[in-house]
Amino acid sequence: MIYYIPYLTAPSLFRIIILWELVVKRGECAEKVVKFSGIYTNTLDDKGRISIPVNFRECLETSVLILTKGLEHCVWVLPPDYWEKLSERILNPQSLDMEEASLLHYRFIVPRKDAEIDKTGRIAVPQSLRDFAGLSRECSILGKGDYMELWDAEAFKEFEAASEKGLRAAVKKFGSL
């Protein structure tokens, strides 16, 4: 059904369509500053597939995610737009010498894999990345703002416990919350 709205110009119609795409089609994610937040526990199946939480999928503009080794022993799960920004910074470092840049390149660029989200919301995690992160059946998916991390659930609990002292120091340095 088409409605006639008097005085509606082509540019304003275009703006309405764009707003509809952002607000209606992408839901609340269009208004979020932090796209991905929260901790979810999901099961890694025998084929190495894991379901991406629904509210994370709703914030994606594509059905392809980029997987690579994380800074800790986890898998980074990144939307392509964030990957582009990150890889550009790694490939063209401003403040690193050649050896440091090479370390970042080998850690993040070399192991990069694409993962297509299937009809049920799952991605396949390559064996090499599962081995790196020590993923077992129970996994934690963490929202880290612009990207996600995939951890072995037990390893993440251990990481949290071990980082408690550092967290307290960081909060003190940061100031009151």
Protein backbone atom coordinates (compact mmCIF):
# COMPACT_ATOMS: atom_id res chain seq x y z
CA MET A 1 0.00 0.00 0.00
CA ILE A 2 1.36 3.43 -0.94
CA TYR A 3 0.33 6.56 0.90
CA TYR A 4 0.55 10.02 -0.57
CA ILE A 5 2.19 12.52 1.77
CA PRO A 6 1.96 16.10 0.52
CA TYR A 7 5.20 18.08 0.22
CA LEU A 8 7.37 14.97 0.60
CA THR A 9 10.48 15.47 -1.52
CA ALA A 10 12.79 12.77 -2.82
CA PRO A 11 15.61 13.59 -0.33
CA SER A 12 13.23 13.48 2.64
CA LEU A 13 11.76 10.20 1.39
CA PHE A 14 15.29 8.82 1.13
CA ARG A 15 15.96 9.87 4.75
CA ILE A 16 12.76 8.12 5.86
CA ILE A 17 13.81 4.91 4.11
CA ILE A 18 17.28 5.05 5.70
CA LEU A 19 15.77 5.63 9.15
CA TRP A 20 13.40 2.71 8.61
CA GLU A 21 16.36 0.51 7.67
CA LEU A 22 18.26 1.56 10.80
CA VAL A 23 15.45 1.55 13.36
CA VAL A 24 12.86 -0.96 12.20
CA LYS A 25 14.98 -3.42 10.27
CA ARG A 26 17.90 -3.49 12.73
CA GLY A 27 15.80 -3.01 15.85
CA GLU A 28 17.30 -1.38 18.88
CA CYS A 29 20.88 -1.88 17.66
CA ALA A 30 20.71 1.28 15.56
CA GLU A 31 20.52 3.33 18.74
CA LYS A 32 23.12 1.39 20.73
CA VAL A 33 26.57 2.83 21.28
CA VAL A 34 27.76 -0.61 22.43
CA LYS A 35 26.54 -3.23 19.95
CA PHE A 36 27.64 -6.35 21.78
CA SER A 37 27.52 -6.72 25.55
CA GLY A 38 26.83 -9.56 27.93
CA ILE A 39 28.09 -13.07 28.57
CA TYR A 40 26.29 -16.07 27.09
CA THR A 41 27.03 -19.76 27.46
CA ASN A 42 26.45 -21.94 24.41
CA THR A 43 27.49 -25.44 23.41
CA LEU A 44 30.03 -26.17 20.71
CA ASP A 45 28.75 -29.15 18.73
CA ASP A 46 30.78 -32.09 17.40
CA LYS A 47 31.30 -30.29 14.06
CA GLY A 48 32.74 -27.20 15.77
CA ARG A 49 29.63 -25.05 15.34
CA ILE A 50 28.28 -22.65 17.94
CA SER A 51 25.21 -20.47 18.01
CA ILE A 52 25.67 -16.70 18.09
CA PRO A 53 23.23 -15.13 20.60
CA VAL A 54 20.10 -13.72 18.95
CA ASN A 55 20.58 -10.18 20.24
CA PHE A 56 24.12 -10.19 18.80
CA ARG A 57 22.84 -11.43 15.42
CA GLU A 58 20.25 -8.65 15.39
CA CYS A 59 23.06 -6.10 15.51
CA LEU A 60 24.87 -7.51 12.49
CA GLU A 61 24.55 -6.03 9.04
CA THR A 62 25.89 -9.16 7.34
CA SER A 63 25.79 -12.93 7.71
CA VAL A 64 29.57 -13.24 7.60
CA LEU A 65 31.82 -12.85 10.64
CA ILE A 66 35.60 -12.75 10.81
CA LEU A 67 37.32 -15.14 13.22
CA THR A 68 40.91 -14.82 14.41
CA LYS A 69 43.07 -15.47 17.44
CA GLY A 70 42.38 -13.15 20.34
CA LEU A 71 44.81 -11.35 22.59
CA GLU A 72 44.11 -13.82 25.38
CA HIS A 73 43.54 -17.49 24.58
CA CYS A 74 40.16 -16.93 22.96
CA VAL A 75 38.73 -16.45 19.48
CA TRP A 76 37.84 -12.95 18.35
CA VAL A 77 34.55 -12.84 16.42
CA LEU A 78 34.36 -9.60 14.48
CA PRO A 79 31.87 -7.97 12.11
CA PRO A 80 33.55 -7.18 8.76
CA ASP A 81 33.39 -3.41 9.27
CA TYR A 82 35.27 -3.64 12.57
CA TRP A 83 37.74 -6.11 11.03
CA GLU A 84 38.50 -3.60 8.27
CA LYS A 85 39.36 -0.89 10.80
CA LEU A 86 41.44 -3.25 12.94
CA SER A 87 43.35 -4.85 10.07
CA GLU A 88 44.09 -1.43 8.55
CA ARG A 89 45.66 -0.33 11.84
CA ILE A 90 47.67 -3.56 12.10
CA LEU A 91 48.88 -3.45 8.50
CA ASN A 92 49.80 0.25 8.70
CA PRO A 93 51.07 0.78 12.25
CA GLN A 94 52.10 4.29 13.23
CA SER A 95 53.91 3.70 16.51
CA LEU A 96 55.44 0.22 16.17
CA ASP A 97 58.78 -0.93 14.91
CA MET A 98 58.96 -3.66 12.25
CA GLU A 99 59.32 -6.53 14.75
CA GLU A 100 56.32 -5.42 16.84
CA ALA A 101 54.20 -4.93 13.73
CA SER A 102 55.19 -8.40 12.54
CA LEU A 103 54.08 -9.92 15.88
CA LEU A 104 50.63 -8.34 15.51
CA HIS A 105 50.43 -9.44 11.90
CA TYR A 106 51.17 -13.08 12.77
CA ARG A 107 48.78 -13.08 15.72
CA PHE A 108 45.74 -11.46 14.13
CA ILE A 109 46.03 -11.27 10.31
CA VAL A 110 47.51 -14.68 9.46
CA PRO A 111 44.94 -16.90 11.29
CA ARG A 112 41.91 -14.94 9.96
CA LYS A 113 38.97 -17.04 8.74
CA ASP A 114 35.51 -16.10 7.46
CA ALA A 115 32.51 -17.72 9.13
CA GLU A 116 29.06 -17.70 7.53
CA ILE A 117 26.12 -17.60 9.92
CA ASP A 118 23.82 -20.48 8.94
CA LYS A 119 20.00 -20.52 9.00
CA THR A 120 19.96 -21.54 12.67
CA GLY A 121 22.36 -18.77 13.74
CA ARG A 122 25.49 -20.91 14.06
CA ILE A 123 29.03 -20.37 12.85
CA ALA A 124 31.68 -23.04 12.28
CA VAL A 125 34.85 -22.41 14.26
CA PRO A 126 37.92 -23.84 12.47
CA GLN A 127 39.87 -26.53 14.31
CA SER A 128 43.02 -24.38 14.45
CA LEU A 129 41.17 -21.64 16.34
CA ARG A 130 39.38 -24.15 18.59
CA ASP A 131 42.78 -25.62 19.50
CA PHE A 132 44.31 -22.17 20.15
CA ALA A 133 41.48 -21.18 22.51
CA GLY A 134 41.21 -24.65 24.08
CA LEU A 135 37.48 -24.73 23.34
CA SER A 136 35.51 -27.62 24.79
CA ARG A 137 31.75 -28.18 24.59
CA GLU A 138 30.76 -25.40 27.00
CA CYS A 139 31.78 -22.01 25.66
CA SER A 140 31.25 -18.42 26.76
CA ILE A 141 30.47 -15.76 24.18
CA LEU A 142 31.31 -12.29 25.44
CA GLY A 143 30.13 -9.02 23.96
CA LYS A 144 33.05 -6.58 23.90
CA GLY A 145 31.41 -3.50 22.40
CA ASP A 146 32.24 -3.65 18.68
CA TYR A 147 33.14 -7.35 18.59
CA MET A 148 32.75 -10.64 20.46
CA GLU A 149 35.10 -13.11 22.13
CA LEU A 150 34.63 -16.87 22.22
CA TRP A 151 36.15 -18.59 25.27
CA ASP A 152 36.14 -22.04 26.77
CA ALA A 153 33.69 -21.50 29.66
CA GLU A 154 36.01 -22.91 32.33
CA ALA A 155 39.02 -20.99 30.98
CA PHE A 156 37.04 -17.74 31.15
CA LYS A 157 36.08 -18.39 34.79
CA GLU A 158 39.77 -18.95 35.58
CA PHE A 159 40.73 -15.78 33.68
CA GLU A 160 38.16 -13.75 35.63
CA ALA A 161 39.42 -15.08 38.97
CA ALA A 162 43.07 -14.47 38.07
CA SER A 163 42.40 -10.91 36.88
CA GLU A 164 40.46 -9.80 39.99
CA LYS A 165 43.46 -8.07 41.58
CA GLY A 166 44.28 -6.24 38.35
CA LEU A 167 40.64 -5.23 37.98
CA ARG A 168 40.59 -3.61 41.40
CA ALA A 169 43.75 -1.66 40.55
CA ALA A 170 42.27 -0.57 37.21
CA VAL A 171 39.03 0.62 38.86
CA LYS A 172 41.03 2.58 41.42
CA LYS A 173 43.09 4.20 38.65
CA PHE A 174 39.96 4.85 36.57
CA GLY A 175 38.15 6.60 39.42
CA SER A 176 34.71 6.06 40.83
CA LEU A 177 32.25 4.10 38.77
